[in-house]
């Protein structure tokens, strides 16, 4: 399992359009077999700050995700909405172990 946190700062006048694009991407991403979870989070005290939490079942799943039409559409749509380039951090799951309640 691979967990990726994608940090994005959006231009203030593009926040609502960014949310719409991200929700569409997330909804479609959840239909991919390699994606277990795809959350779109907005920071409460700064609505221009977003965090995408992408949980992949395999190490190859992110590459497959980036080949989908919905990802390419999202990337093209939001490119000019970002105030600064997005950044990401990759994590490995430690606990709970898979299969535990």
PDB file of N, CA and C in Angstrom:
ATOM      1  N   UNK A   1       0.846  -1.175   0.000  1.00  0.00           N
ATOM      2  CA  UNK A   1       0.000   0.000   0.000  1.00  0.00           C
ATOM      3  C   UNK A   1       0.891   1.238   0.000  1.00  0.00           C
ATOM      4  N   UNK A   2       0.530   2.200  -0.825  1.00  0.00           N
ATOM      5  CA  UNK A   2       1.260   3.455  -0.930  1.00  0.00           C
ATOM      6  C   UNK A   2       0.288   4.591  -0.690  1.00  0.00           C
ATOM      7  N   UNK A   3       0.646   5.494   0.214  1.00  0.00           N
ATOM      8  CA  UNK A   3      -0.184   6.653   0.516  1.00  0.00           C
ATOM      9  C   UNK A   3       0.571   7.890   0.067  1.00  0.00           C
ATOM     10  N   UNK A   4      -0.098   8.730  -0.713  1.00  0.00           N
ATOM     11  CA  UNK A   4       0.522   9.957  -1.218  1.00  0.00           C
ATOM     12  C   UNK A   4      -0.297  11.141  -0.738  1.00  0.00           C
ATOM     13  N   UNK A   5       0.391  12.109  -0.117  1.00  0.00           N
ATOM     14  CA  UNK A   5      -0.238  13.380   0.254  1.00  0.00           C
ATOM     15  C   UNK A   5       0.229  14.423  -0.750  1.00  0.00           C
ATOM     16  N   UNK A   6      -0.718  15.020  -1.456  1.00  0.00           N
ATOM     17  CA  UNK A   6      -0.405  16.047  -2.439  1.00  0.00           C
ATOM     18  C   UNK A   6      -0.870  17.390  -1.872  1.00  0.00           C
ATOM     19  N   UNK A   7       0.080  18.302  -1.679  1.00  0.00           N
ATOM     20  CA  UNK A   7      -0.194  19.625  -1.123  1.00  0.00           C
ATOM     21  C   UNK A   7      -0.340  20.621  -2.267  1.00  0.00           C
ATOM     22  N   UNK A   8      -1.456  21.361  -2.250  1.00  0.00           N
ATOM     23  CA  UNK A   8      -1.745  22.293  -3.328  1.00  0.00           C
ATOM     24  C   UNK A   8      -2.250  23.612  -2.751  1.00  0.00           C
ATOM     25  N   UNK A   9      -1.652  24.700  -3.205  1.00  0.00           N
ATOM     26  CA  UNK A   9      -2.151  26.040  -2.878  1.00  0.00           C
ATOM     27  C   UNK A   9      -2.797  26.597  -4.130  1.00  0.00           C
ATOM     28  N   UNK A  10      -4.046  27.024  -3.999  1.00  0.00           N
ATOM     29  CA  UNK A  10      -4.841  27.481  -5.134  1.00  0.00           C
ATOM     30  C   UNK A  10      -4.984  29.002  -5.088  1.00  0.00           C
ATOM     31  N   UNK A  11      -5.041  29.618  -6.249  1.00  0.00           N
ATOM     32  CA  UNK A  11      -5.292  31.058  -6.324  1.00  0.00           C
ATOM     33  C   UNK A  11      -6.660  31.338  -5.712  1.00  0.00           C
ATOM     34  N   UNK A  12      -6.777  32.385  -4.892  1.00  0.00           N
ATOM     35  CA  UNK A  12      -8.037  32.646  -4.175  1.00  0.00           C
ATOM     36  C   UNK A  12      -9.274  32.708  -5.064  1.00  0.00           C
ATOM     37  N   UNK A  13      -9.158  33.250  -6.252  1.00  0.00           N
ATOM     38  CA  UNK A  13     -10.326  33.382  -7.118  1.00  0.00           C
ATOM     39  C   UNK A  13     -10.652  32.094  -7.885  1.00  0.00           C
ATOM     40  N   UNK A  14      -9.893  31.043  -7.673  1.00  0.00           N
ATOM     41  CA  UNK A  14     -10.099  29.781  -8.391  1.00  0.00           C
ATOM     42  C   UNK A  14     -10.495  28.626  -7.473  1.00  0.00           C
ATOM     43  N   UNK A  15     -10.712  28.909  -6.191  1.00  0.00           N
ATOM     44  CA  UNK A  15     -10.978  27.861  -5.201  1.00  0.00           C
ATOM     45  C   UNK A  15     -12.190  27.005  -5.577  1.00  0.00           C
ATOM     46  N   UNK A  16     -13.297  27.620  -5.913  1.00  0.00           N
ATOM     47  CA  UNK A  16     -14.511  26.844  -6.186  1.00  0.00           C
ATOM     48  C   UNK A  16     -14.348  25.974  -7.432  1.00  0.00           C
ATOM     49  N   UNK A  17     -13.760  26.526  -8.476  1.00  0.00           N
ATOM     50  CA  UNK A  17     -13.539  25.739  -9.694  1.00  0.00           C
ATOM     51  C   UNK A  17     -12.569  24.590  -9.424  1.00  0.00           C
ATOM     52  N   UNK A  18     -11.571  24.839  -8.587  1.00  0.00           N
ATOM     53  CA  UNK A  18     -10.614  23.790  -8.226  1.00  0.00           C
ATOM     54  C   UNK A  18     -11.326  22.656  -7.489  1.00  0.00           C
ATOM     55  N   UNK A  19     -12.197  23.001  -6.566  1.00  0.00           N
ATOM     56  CA  UNK A  19     -12.934  21.975  -5.822  1.00  0.00           C
ATOM     57  C   UNK A  19     -13.767  21.105  -6.764  1.00  0.00           C
ATOM     58  N   UNK A  20     -14.442  21.719  -7.707  1.00  0.00           N
ATOM     59  CA  UNK A  20     -15.269  20.972  -8.656  1.00  0.00           C
ATOM     60  C   UNK A  20     -14.398  20.001  -9.463  1.00  0.00           C
ATOM     61  N   UNK A  21     -13.267  20.492  -9.960  1.00  0.00           N
ATOM     62  CA  UNK A  21     -12.368  19.637 -10.753  1.00  0.00           C
ATOM     63  C   UNK A  21     -11.832  18.485  -9.916  1.00  0.00           C
ATOM     64  N   UNK A  22     -11.484  18.750  -8.671  1.00  0.00           N
ATOM     65  CA  UNK A  22     -10.935  17.704  -7.807  1.00  0.00           C
ATOM     66  C   UNK A  22     -11.983  16.665  -7.422  1.00  0.00           C
ATOM     67  N   UNK A  23     -13.199  17.107  -7.180  1.00  0.00           N
ATOM     68  CA  UNK A  23     -14.246  16.149  -6.836  1.00  0.00           C
ATOM     69  C   UNK A  23     -14.527  15.224  -8.008  1.00  0.00           C
ATOM     70  N   UNK A  24     -14.530  15.760  -9.225  1.00  0.00           N
ATOM     71  CA  UNK A  24     -14.740  14.926 -10.400  1.00  0.00           C
ATOM     72  C   UNK A  24     -13.602  13.924 -10.566  1.00  0.00           C
ATOM     73  N   UNK A  25     -12.375  14.381 -10.397  1.00  0.00           N
ATOM     74  CA  UNK A  25     -11.216  13.493 -10.501  1.00  0.00           C
ATOM     75  C   UNK A  25     -11.266  12.404  -9.427  1.00  0.00           C
ATOM     76  N   UNK A  26     -11.598  12.791  -8.213  1.00  0.00           N
ATOM     77  CA  UNK A  26     -11.673  11.819  -7.121  1.00  0.00           C
ATOM     78  C   UNK A  26     -12.751  10.768  -7.390  1.00  0.00           C
ATOM     79  N   UNK A  27     -13.906  11.215  -7.800  1.00  0.00           N
ATOM     80  CA  UNK A  27     -15.033  10.306  -8.076  1.00  0.00           C
ATOM     81  C   UNK A  27     -14.627   9.267  -9.131  1.00  0.00           C
ATOM     82  N   UNK A  28     -13.972   9.715 -10.192  1.00  0.00           N
ATOM     83  CA  UNK A  28     -13.529   8.793 -11.241  1.00  0.00           C
ATOM     84  C   UNK A  28     -12.364   7.928 -10.783  1.00  0.00           C
ATOM     85  N   UNK A  29     -11.474   8.481  -9.990  1.00  0.00           N
ATOM     86  CA  UNK A  29     -10.312   7.736  -9.502  1.00  0.00           C
ATOM     87  C   UNK A  29     -10.734   6.558  -8.639  1.00  0.00           C
ATOM     88  N   UNK A  30     -11.800   6.731  -7.875  1.00  0.00           N
ATOM     89  CA  UNK A  30     -12.262   5.662  -6.993  1.00  0.00           C
ATOM     90  C   UNK A  30     -12.760   4.440  -7.768  1.00  0.00           C
ATOM     91  N   UNK A  31     -12.976   4.591  -9.064  1.00  0.00           N
ATOM     92  CA  UNK A  31     -13.374   3.454  -9.905  1.00  0.00           C
ATOM     93  C   UNK A  31     -12.173   2.667 -10.430  1.00  0.00           C
ATOM     94  N   UNK A  32     -10.982   3.187 -10.210  1.00  0.00           N
ATOM     95  CA  UNK A  32      -9.774   2.479 -10.661  1.00  0.00           C
ATOM     96  C   UNK A  32      -9.475   1.324  -9.706  1.00  0.00           C
ATOM     97  N   UNK A  33      -9.106   0.157 -10.229  1.00  0.00           N
ATOM     98  CA  UNK A  33      -8.837  -0.982  -9.348  1.00  0.00           C
ATOM     99  C   UNK A  33      -7.647  -0.773  -8.412  1.00  0.00           C
ATOM    100  N   UNK A  34      -6.703   0.071  -8.780  1.00  0.00           N
ATOM    101  CA  UNK A  34      -5.519   0.274  -7.954  1.00  0.00           C
ATOM    102  C   UNK A  34      -5.659   1.328  -6.880  1.00  0.00           C
ATOM    103  N   UNK A  35      -6.824   1.973  -6.809  1.00  0.00           N
ATOM    104  CA  UNK A  35      -7.020   3.045  -5.826  1.00  0.00           C
ATOM    105  C   UNK A  35      -7.995   2.590  -4.753  1.00  0.00           C
ATOM    106  N   UNK A  36      -7.546   2.651  -3.492  1.00  0.00           N
ATOM    107  CA  UNK A  36      -8.380   2.268  -2.352  1.00  0.00           C
ATOM    108  C   UNK A  36      -9.145   3.464  -1.795  1.00  0.00           C
ATOM    109  N   UNK A  37      -8.520   4.657  -1.905  1.00  0.00           N
ATOM    110  CA  UNK A  37      -9.134   5.860  -1.337  1.00  0.00           C
ATOM    111  C   UNK A  37      -8.545   7.072  -2.032  1.00  0.00           C
ATOM    112  N   UNK A  38      -9.356   8.130  -2.164  1.00  0.00           N
ATOM    113  CA  UNK A  38      -8.893   9.342  -2.827  1.00  0.00           C
ATOM    114  C   UNK A  38      -9.661  10.509  -2.220  1.00  0.00           C
ATOM    115  N   UNK A  39      -9.090  11.123  -1.187  1.00  0.00           N
ATOM    116  CA  UNK A  39      -9.760  12.202  -0.452  1.00  0.00           C
ATOM    117  C   UNK A  39      -9.289  13.566  -0.931  1.00  0.00           C
ATOM    118  N   UNK A  40     -10.225  14.505  -0.988  1.00  0.00           N
ATOM    119  CA  UNK A  40      -9.929  15.901  -1.295  1.00  0.00           C
ATOM    120  C   UNK A  40     -10.241  16.692  -0.031  1.00  0.00           C
ATOM    121  N   UNK A  41      -9.206  17.293   0.565  1.00  0.00           N
ATOM    122  CA  UNK A  41      -9.365  18.020   1.824  1.00  0.00           C
ATOM    123  C   UNK A  41      -9.019  19.491   1.627  1.00  0.00           C
ATOM    124  N   UNK A  42      -9.792  20.360   2.302  1.00  0.00           N
ATOM    125  CA  UNK A  42      -9.552  21.799   2.239  1.00  0.00           C
ATOM    126  C   UNK A  42      -9.246  22.290   3.647  1.00  0.00           C
ATOM    127  N   UNK A  43      -8.174  23.059   3.774  1.00  0.00           N
ATOM    128  CA  UNK A  43      -7.747  23.552   5.080  1.00  0.00           C
ATOM    129  C   UNK A  43      -8.783  24.540   5.628  1.00  0.00           C
ATOM    130  N   UNK A  44      -9.160  24.386   6.888  1.00  0.00           N
ATOM    131  CA  UNK A  44     -10.215  25.209   7.473  1.00  0.00           C
ATOM    132  C   UNK A  44      -9.824  26.674   7.642  1.00  0.00           C
ATOM    133  N   UNK A  45      -8.594  26.929   8.062  1.00  0.00           N
ATOM    134  CA  UNK A  45      -8.210  28.322   8.330  1.00  0.00           C
ATOM    135  C   UNK A  45      -7.587  29.028   7.126  1.00  0.00           C
ATOM    136  N   UNK A  46      -7.433  28.327   6.007  1.00  0.00           N
ATOM    137  CA  UNK A  46      -6.938  28.913   4.769  1.00  0.00           C
ATOM    138  C   UNK A  46      -7.550  28.135   3.607  1.00  0.00           C
ATOM    139  N   UNK A  47      -8.680  28.601   3.084  1.00  0.00           N
ATOM    140  CA  UNK A  47      -9.397  27.845   2.063  1.00  0.00           C
ATOM    141  C   UNK A  47      -8.663  27.706   0.731  1.00  0.00           C
ATOM    142  N   UNK A  48      -7.502  28.321   0.594  1.00  0.00           N
ATOM    143  CA  UNK A  48      -6.719  28.150  -0.632  1.00  0.00           C
ATOM    144  C   UNK A  48      -5.778  26.955  -0.541  1.00  0.00           C
ATOM    145  N   UNK A  49      -5.703  26.331   0.621  1.00  0.00           N
ATOM    146  CA  UNK A  49      -4.802  25.190   0.830  1.00  0.00           C
ATOM    147  C   UNK A  49      -5.592  23.886   0.769  1.00  0.00           C
ATOM    148  N   UNK A  50      -5.101  22.972  -0.065  1.00  0.00           N
ATOM    149  CA  UNK A  50      -5.748  21.676  -0.233  1.00  0.00           C
ATOM    150  C   UNK A  50      -4.750  20.552  -0.011  1.00  0.00           C
ATOM    151  N   UNK A  51      -5.285  19.413   0.388  1.00  0.00           N
ATOM    152  CA  UNK A  51      -4.502  18.194   0.532  1.00  0.00           C
ATOM    153  C   UNK A  51      -5.275  17.071  -0.143  1.00  0.00           C
ATOM    154  N   UNK A  52      -4.634  16.417  -1.092  1.00  0.00           N
ATOM    155  CA  UNK A  52      -5.211  15.215  -1.692  1.00  0.00           C
ATOM    156  C   UNK A  52      -4.551  14.025  -1.016  1.00  0.00           C
ATOM    157  N   UNK A  53      -5.351  13.128  -0.490  1.00  0.00           N
ATOM    158  CA  UNK A  53      -4.837  11.915   0.142  1.00  0.00           C
ATOM    159  C   UNK A  53      -5.205  10.760  -0.780  1.00  0.00           C
ATOM    160  N   UNK A  54      -4.186  10.238  -1.427  1.00  0.00           N
ATOM    161  CA  UNK A  54      -4.371   9.186  -2.420  1.00  0.00           C
ATOM    162  C   UNK A  54      -3.798   7.883  -1.859  1.00  0.00           C
ATOM    163  N   UNK A  55      -4.631   6.869  -1.741  1.00  0.00           N
ATOM    164  CA  UNK A  55      -4.183   5.592  -1.193  1.00  0.00           C
ATOM    165  C   UNK A  55      -4.274   4.542  -2.298  1.00  0.00           C
ATOM    166  N   UNK A  56      -3.098   4.046  -2.657  1.00  0.00           N
ATOM    167  CA  UNK A  56      -2.960   3.097  -3.752  1.00  0.00           C
ATOM    168  C   UNK A  56      -2.733   1.688  -3.207  1.00  0.00           C
ATOM    169  N   UNK A  57      -3.295   0.706  -3.882  1.00  0.00           N
ATOM    170  CA  UNK A  57      -3.153  -0.692  -3.466  1.00  0.00           C
ATOM    171  C   UNK A  57      -1.779  -1.263  -3.806  1.00  0.00           C
ATOM    172  N   UNK A  58      -1.152  -0.755  -4.868  1.00  0.00           N
ATOM    173  CA  UNK A  58       0.155  -1.254  -5.293  1.00  0.00           C
ATOM    174  C   UNK A  58       1.067  -0.087  -5.660  1.00  0.00           C
ATOM    175  N   UNK A  59       2.347  -0.367  -5.753  1.00  0.00           N
ATOM    176  CA  UNK A  59       3.319   0.656  -6.115  1.00  0.00           C
ATOM    177  C   UNK A  59       3.162   1.100  -7.570  1.00  0.00           C
ATOM    178  N   UNK A  60       2.566   0.248  -8.414  1.00  0.00           N
ATOM    179  CA  UNK A  60       2.373   0.578  -9.828  1.00  0.00           C
ATOM    180  C   UNK A  60       1.106   1.395 -10.081  1.00  0.00           C
ATOM    181  N   UNK A  61       0.213   1.438  -9.131  1.00  0.00           N
ATOM    182  CA  UNK A  61      -1.083   2.092  -9.337  1.00  0.00           C
ATOM    183  C   UNK A  61      -0.983   3.595  -9.620  1.00  0.00           C
ATOM    184  N   UNK A  62      -0.048   4.341  -9.008  1.00  0.00           N
ATOM    185  CA  UNK A  62       0.022   5.772  -9.344  1.00  0.00           C
ATOM    186  C   UNK A  62       0.338   6.018 -10.826  1.00  0.00           C
ATOM    187  N   UNK A  63       1.211   5.225 -11.399  1.00  0.00           N
ATOM    188  CA  UNK A  63       1.544   5.383 -12.816  1.00  0.00           C
ATOM    189  C   UNK A  63       0.324   5.083 -13.690  1.00  0.00           C
ATOM    190  N   UNK A  64      -0.423   4.052 -13.328  1.00  0.00           N
ATOM    191  CA  UNK A  64      -1.646   3.716 -14.076  1.00  0.00           C
ATOM    192  C   UNK A  64      -2.662   4.848 -13.947  1.00  0.00           C
ATOM    193  N   UNK A  65      -2.776   5.415 -12.757  1.00  0.00           N
ATOM    194  CA  UNK A  65      -3.700   6.531 -12.516  1.00  0.00           C
ATOM    195  C   UNK A  65      -3.365   7.709 -13.428  1.00  0.00           C
ATOM    196  N   UNK A  66      -2.093   8.007 -13.579  1.00  0.00           N
ATOM    197  CA  UNK A  66      -1.683   9.160 -14.386  1.00  0.00           C
ATOM    198  C   UNK A  66      -1.896   8.948 -15.884  1.00  0.00           C
ATOM    199  N   UNK A  67      -2.236   7.741 -16.280  1.00  0.00           N
ATOM    200  CA  UNK A  67      -2.526   7.455 -17.691  1.00  0.00           C
ATOM    201  C   UNK A  67      -4.018   7.571 -18.021  1.00  0.00           C
ATOM    202  N   UNK A  68      -4.854   7.775 -17.004  1.00  0.00           N
ATOM    203  CA  UNK A  68      -6.297   7.828 -17.244  1.00  0.00           C
ATOM    204  C   UNK A  68      -6.707   9.167 -17.846  1.00  0.00           C
ATOM    205  N   UNK A  69      -7.802   9.143 -18.579  1.00  0.00           N
ATOM    206  CA  UNK A  69      -8.328  10.373 -19.184  1.00  0.00           C
ATOM    207  C   UNK A  69      -8.750  11.374 -18.118  1.00  0.00           C
ATOM    208  N   UNK A  70      -9.356  10.887 -17.029  1.00  0.00           N
ATOM    209  CA  UNK A  70      -9.826  11.835 -16.007  1.00  0.00           C
ATOM    210  C   UNK A  70      -8.663  12.516 -15.286  1.00  0.00           C
ATOM    211  N   UNK A  71      -7.550  11.805 -15.075  1.00  0.00           N
ATOM    212  CA  UNK A  71      -6.387  12.460 -14.466  1.00  0.00           C
ATOM    213  C   UNK A  71      -5.816  13.516 -15.411  1.00  0.00           C
ATOM    214  N   UNK A  72      -5.662  13.164 -16.674  1.00  0.00           N
ATOM    215  CA  UNK A  72      -5.109  14.125 -17.636  1.00  0.00           C
ATOM    216  C   UNK A  72      -6.005  15.356 -17.749  1.00  0.00           C
ATOM    217  N   UNK A  73      -7.323  15.151 -17.726  1.00  0.00           N
ATOM    218  CA  UNK A  73      -8.272  16.271 -17.763  1.00  0.00           C
ATOM    219  C   UNK A  73      -8.117  17.134 -16.517  1.00  0.00           C
ATOM    220  N   UNK A  74      -8.006  16.494 -15.348  1.00  0.00           N
ATOM    221  CA  UNK A  74      -7.826  17.242 -14.102  1.00  0.00           C
ATOM    222  C   UNK A  74      -6.543  18.065 -14.158  1.00  0.00           C
ATOM    223  N   UNK A  75      -5.438  17.436 -14.526  1.00  0.00           N
ATOM    224  CA  UNK A  75      -4.149  18.123 -14.550  1.00  0.00           C
ATOM    225  C   UNK A  75      -4.180  19.333 -15.476  1.00  0.00           C
ATOM    226  N   UNK A  76      -4.796  19.183 -16.628  1.00  0.00           N
ATOM    227  CA  UNK A  76      -4.897  20.293 -17.580  1.00  0.00           C
ATOM    228  C   UNK A  76      -5.804  21.394 -17.035  1.00  0.00           C
ATOM    229  N   UNK A  77      -6.915  20.997 -16.439  1.00  0.00           N
ATOM    230  CA  UNK A  77      -7.898  21.963 -15.930  1.00  0.00           C
ATOM    231  C   UNK A  77      -7.337  22.793 -14.785  1.00  0.00           C
ATOM    232  N   UNK A  78      -6.630  22.168 -13.852  1.00  0.00           N
ATOM    233  CA  UNK A  78      -6.193  22.886 -12.641  1.00  0.00           C
ATOM    234  C   UNK A  78      -4.815  23.535 -12.764  1.00  0.00           C
ATOM    235  N   UNK A  79      -4.111  23.312 -13.855  1.00  0.00           N
ATOM    236  CA  UNK A  79      -2.735  23.813 -13.976  1.00  0.00           C
ATOM    237  C   UNK A  79      -2.632  25.304 -13.701  1.00  0.00           C
ATOM    238  N   UNK A  80      -3.536  26.105 -14.237  1.00  0.00           N
ATOM    239  CA  UNK A  80      -3.446  27.549 -14.030  1.00  0.00           C
ATOM    240  C   UNK A  80      -4.174  28.022 -12.773  1.00  0.00           C
ATOM    241  N   UNK A  81      -4.748  27.093 -12.016  1.00  0.00           N
ATOM    242  CA  UNK A  81      -5.429  27.447 -10.770  1.00  0.00           C
ATOM    243  C   UNK A  81      -4.483  27.455  -9.577  1.00  0.00           C
ATOM    244  N   UNK A  82      -3.328  26.828  -9.721  1.00  0.00           N
ATOM    245  CA  UNK A  82      -2.387  26.694  -8.605  1.00  0.00           C
ATOM    246  C   UNK A  82      -1.546  27.955  -8.441  1.00  0.00           C
ATOM    247  N   UNK A  83      -1.408  28.389  -7.189  1.00  0.00           N
ATOM    248  CA  UNK A  83      -0.600  29.570  -6.884  1.00  0.00           C
ATOM    249  C   UNK A  83       0.885  29.243  -6.945  1.00  0.00           C
ATOM    250  N   UNK A  84       1.221  28.023  -6.597  1.00  0.00           N
ATOM    251  CA  UNK A  84       2.602  27.524  -6.651  1.00  0.00           C
ATOM    252  C   UNK A  84       2.537  26.070  -7.118  1.00  0.00           C
ATOM    253  N   UNK A  85       3.629  25.518  -7.616  1.00  0.00           N
ATOM    254  CA  UNK A  85       3.591  24.104  -8.023  1.00  0.00           C
ATOM    255  C   UNK A  85       3.218  23.195  -6.850  1.00  0.00           C
ATOM    256  N   UNK A  86       2.442  22.165  -7.140  1.00  0.00           N
ATOM    257  CA  UNK A  86       2.045  21.227  -6.091  1.00  0.00           C
ATOM    258  C   UNK A  86       3.253  20.398  -5.663  1.00  0.00           C
ATOM    259  N   UNK A  87       3.163  19.860  -4.454  1.00  0.00           N
ATOM    260  CA  UNK A  87       4.223  18.986  -3.952  1.00  0.00           C
ATOM    261  C   UNK A  87       3.573  17.754  -3.351  1.00  0.00           C
ATOM    262  N   UNK A  88       4.353  16.676  -3.258  1.00  0.00           N
ATOM    263  CA  UNK A  88       3.790  15.451  -2.695  1.00  0.00           C
ATOM    264  C   UNK A  88       4.802  14.766  -1.790  1.00  0.00           C
ATOM    265  N   UNK A  89       4.251  13.988  -0.860  1.00  0.00           N
ATOM    266  CA  UNK A  89       5.044  13.200   0.069  1.00  0.00           C
ATOM    267  C   UNK A  89       4.451  11.799   0.064  1.00  0.00           C
ATOM    268  N   UNK A  90       5.308  10.785  -0.040  1.00  0.00           N
ATOM    269  CA  UNK A  90       4.850   9.395  -0.080  1.00  0.00           C
ATOM    270  C   UNK A  90       5.038   8.749   1.296  1.00  0.00           C
ATOM    271  N   UNK A  91       4.060   7.935   1.684  1.00  0.00           N
ATOM    272  CA  UNK A  91       4.072   7.251   2.968  1.00  0.00           C
ATOM    273  C   UNK A  91       3.826   5.756   2.774  1.00  0.00           C
ATOM    274  N   UNK A  92       4.327   4.969   3.714  1.00  0.00           N
ATOM    275  CA  UNK A  92       4.019   3.541   3.789  1.00  0.00           C
ATOM    276  C   UNK A  92       3.125   3.326   5.008  1.00  0.00           C
ATOM    277  N   UNK A  93       2.158   2.460   4.877  1.00  0.00           N
ATOM    278  CA  UNK A  93       1.244   2.168   5.979  1.00  0.00           C
ATOM    279  C   UNK A  93       1.961   1.332   7.032  1.00  0.00           C
ATOM    280  N   UNK A  94       1.858   1.760   8.272  1.00  0.00           N
ATOM    281  CA  UNK A  94       2.464   1.045   9.388  1.00  0.00           C
ATOM    282  C   UNK A  94       1.386   0.295  10.175  1.00  0.00           C
ATOM    283  N   UNK A  95       0.309   0.969  10.484  1.00  0.00           N
ATOM    284  CA  UNK A  95      -0.758   0.392  11.298  1.00  0.00           C
ATOM    285  C   UNK A  95      -2.060   1.128  10.994  1.00  0.00           C
ATOM    286  N   UNK A  96      -3.201   0.501  11.031  1.00  0.00           N
ATOM    287  CA  UNK A  96      -3.427  -0.901  11.336  1.00  0.00           C
ATOM    288  C   UNK A  96      -3.059  -1.796  10.158  1.00  0.00           C
ATOM    289  N   UNK A  97      -2.782  -3.022  10.500  1.00  0.00           N
ATOM    290  CA  UNK A  97      -2.474  -4.000   9.462  1.00  0.00           C
ATOM    291  C   UNK A  97      -3.728  -4.267   8.651  1.00  0.00           C
ATOM    292  N   UNK A  98      -3.539  -4.599   7.379  1.00  0.00           N
ATOM    293  CA  UNK A  98      -4.700  -4.905   6.549  1.00  0.00           C
ATOM    294  C   UNK A  98      -5.479  -6.060   7.140  1.00  0.00           C
ATOM    295  N   UNK A  99      -6.793  -5.948   7.080  1.00  0.00           N
ATOM    296  CA  UNK A  99      -7.646  -7.010   7.586  1.00  0.00           C
ATOM    297  C   UNK A  99      -8.052  -6.844   9.039  1.00  0.00           C
ATOM    298  N   UNK A 100      -7.433  -5.891   9.752  1.00  0.00           N
ATOM    299  CA  UNK A 100      -7.834  -5.660  11.141  1.00  0.00           C
ATOM    300  C   UNK A 100      -9.031  -4.728  11.181  1.00  0.00           C
ATOM    301  N   UNK A 101      -9.880  -4.900  12.158  1.00  0.00           N
ATOM    302  CA  UNK A 101     -11.054  -4.023  12.271  1.00  0.00           C
ATOM    303  C   UNK A 101     -10.664  -2.602  12.576  1.00  0.00           C
TER     304      UNK A 101
END
